[in-house]
Amino acid sequence: MLNQERKDKNVGLLVLVAALGYFVDIYDLLLFGIVRLESLRGIGIGETDLEHYGTLLLNWQMGGMLLGGIFWGILGDKKGRLSVLFGSIVLYSLANIANGFVQDVWTYAVLRFIAGVGLAGELGAGITLVSETMSKDKRGWGTTIVATVGVFGAVVAALVAGLVEWRTSYFIGGGMGLLLLLLRIGVYESGMYMESKTLRIQRGNIFMLFSSWKLFSKYFGIILIAVPVWYVMSLYILLSKEMGQAMGMAPDQIPAPGKSIMFAYIGITVGDIASGVLSQVLRSRKKALLVFLLLTLVALVLYYTVAPQSRTMFYAVATFLGFATGYWAVFMTTAAELFGTNIRSTVTTTAPNFVRGAVIPITLLFGLFKGFFLEDGQATGQTQINAALSVGVIVFALAFLSWYNLKETYGKELNYNEQ
């Protein structure tokens, strides 16, 4: 009885630590998007260059997350999940504090890259630990709590950025991360990992994912299913000011990116609860993912038809768009359930960061299509809209194809290794 109570207490602490860790992670991850305009103006960037340098810095951050995802994922399988939880938060907390001192755009870019490397490890390690520690019929609830509490960090980031100067917002994020280290002292390593560690097998070999079509197709497929989340975030929410102008909204009704992010993440918070609960009620990750992919398409239709009517309607649609893309919890749970213990941390850490890193090809394609849709050599609002829609056709076609080939993972036993 005492052992069960101790185990339940440990599980509760683990879920709490993973959830708060992801909270700080999302706070810092989205903070740049929220303070993008203010911070770039603060270091002397002119109005005509704000979109260019904003996209540049976002790509540097996402590039850091791509490399960081590989590093932390491999480390989690070779040295343990806890090593990632501690190391990643130290790196991104210190990097975000340093962001508060930047004076030029290239220093800013380097620090966003370093912060991106640090931010890459938090979620994968937390989800892996929760998935391996909780029972197969309850782990979906645990990962839902982690994702729901985590994404609320974006809402808090928007509120904080509205109350204090942008540099102070970075200091607060870094400080919260360092304080969180105190909670992590009582967290235990995954029992499945410790058992796997005693076996003479390869652990954390990312090339294993490319060694067979079976493993590669599972890995690449789950990534493509979640790419619509960051397609929406990068082109429709982070660039809400530019999209509002492109859709012909009145100058006094143009949405503010910070508020767009806040409302979108309010929706995502509710969406993560709903998608996680739906996957448990339906006893199917795959069905829940389909429902929310379809909702995302509906939300995009509303974005182009209803949102331009006023700033209030725009924020309302942004909230619904966030809700529709709030299937991150189910995506992460599915990623953890698809692979064996010896490669699970590598998958759950790299997969979300490759999804986030997809912002780079998305924005590059967006720029390419904008050049294609120029009218008499000039960019117009319709140019921007056509470019965004063209990228969306590619993103959603790949997502639905990958969903079709996805295997159901609900209730799957996780105590096994890939050979």
Foldseek 3Di string as FASTA:
>chain_A
DVVVVVLVVLLVLLLVLLQLLLLLLLLLLCLCLQCQVVVCVVLPDDPVCSVVLSLLLLLLLLVLLLVLLLVLLLCCLVPHLLVLQVVLLLQLLVLLLVCLVDNDSVVNSVSSSSNSSSSLRRNLSSLLQLCLSDALLCSLVSLLSSLLSNLLSLLVSLVVVVVDPSSVSSNVSSVSSVVSVVSSPSHDTRPLSVVVNVDPDAFSPPCVCVPDPVSVLQLVLLLLLLLVLLLCCLQCQSCQQLLLVLLPADPVFRERSSLLSNLLSLLLSVLSNVLSVVCSVVLWLLVSSVQLLVQLVVLVVCCNPPLNPGNVSVSVSSNSNSSSSNSVSSSLNLQQQVAASRSNSSRSSNSVSVSSSVSVVSVVQLVVQLCVPADVRHGGSVSNVVSSVVSVVVSSVSSVVSSVVHDTRRSNDHSDHDD
